Amino acid sequence: MPWCHPVLNWKPWRTQSVRRMTVDNHAILYMVYDKSCKVLIIRIIYGARDPDRVARSE
């Protein structure tokens, strides 16, 4: 399930394989660690805050 969302196409997120999943009004940015089978949630952004702009500003 964690691999079903595409890797973001913004630097530096793309080089770190950060993915984005939308749940209700929130965008969840996360990374998947293949070897340990773990997911690291980096940030949860409320959708009204323009998640694309917030994610690019990091």
Protein backbone atom coordinates (compact mmCIF):
# COMPACT_ATOMS: atom_id res chain seq x y z
CA MET A 1 0.00 0.00 0.00
CA PRO A 2 2.70 2.62 0.75
CA TRP A 3 4.21 2.24 -2.74
CA CYS A 4 0.92 2.97 -4.57
CA HIS A 5 1.43 6.75 -4.36
CA PRO A 6 3.97 8.33 -6.74
CA VAL A 7 7.20 9.95 -5.64
CA LEU A 8 6.96 13.75 -5.55
CA ASN A 9 8.59 15.55 -8.44
CA TRP A 10 9.93 18.49 -6.40
CA LYS A 11 13.50 18.94 -5.28
CA PRO A 12 14.74 17.89 -2.72
CA TRP A 13 11.78 15.57 -2.05
CA ARG A 14 12.32 13.59 -5.28
CA THR A 15 15.89 12.61 -4.35
CA GLN A 16 14.66 11.33 -0.99
CA SER A 17 11.75 9.37 -2.53
CA VAL A 18 9.09 11.28 -0.59
CA ARG A 19 5.52 10.35 -1.48
CA ARG A 20 2.22 12.17 -1.01
CA MET A 21 -1.09 10.65 0.03
CA THR A 22 -4.35 12.59 0.40
CA VAL A 23 -6.76 11.70 3.22
CA ASP A 24 -9.92 13.80 3.51
CA ASN A 25 -8.64 17.42 3.65
CA HIS A 26 -5.04 16.53 4.50
CA ALA A 27 -1.91 15.77 2.49
CA ILE A 28 0.49 13.30 4.10
CA LEU A 29 4.14 13.36 3.03
CA TYR A 30 5.99 10.15 3.81
CA MET A 31 8.97 7.96 2.97
CA VAL A 32 9.05 4.16 2.65
CA TYR A 33 12.04 2.18 3.92
CA ASP A 34 12.13 -1.04 1.89
CA LYS A 35 14.65 -3.00 3.95
CA SER A 36 13.00 -2.44 7.32
CA CYS A 37 9.42 -2.36 5.95
CA LYS A 38 8.72 0.92 7.75
CA VAL A 39 6.98 4.15 6.78
CA LEU A 40 8.17 7.51 8.10
CA ILE A 41 5.54 10.26 8.06
CA ILE A 42 7.35 13.54 7.44
CA ARG A 43 4.50 16.00 7.51
CA ILE A 44 0.70 16.21 7.61
CA ILE A 45 -0.61 19.35 5.91
CA TYR A 46 -4.16 20.66 6.07
CA GLY A 47 -5.47 20.96 2.50
CA ALA A 48 -6.62 24.57 2.83
CA ARG A 49 -2.97 25.62 3.30
CA ASP A 50 -2.02 24.77 -0.32
CA PRO A 51 0.01 21.62 0.37
CA ASP A 52 2.00 21.93 -2.87
CA ARG A 53 3.43 25.31 -1.84
CA VAL A 54 4.14 24.16 1.73
CA ALA A 55 5.89 20.98 0.55
CA ARG A 56 8.08 22.90 -1.93
CA SER A 57 9.15 25.39 0.73
CA GLU A 58 10.89 22.73 2.82
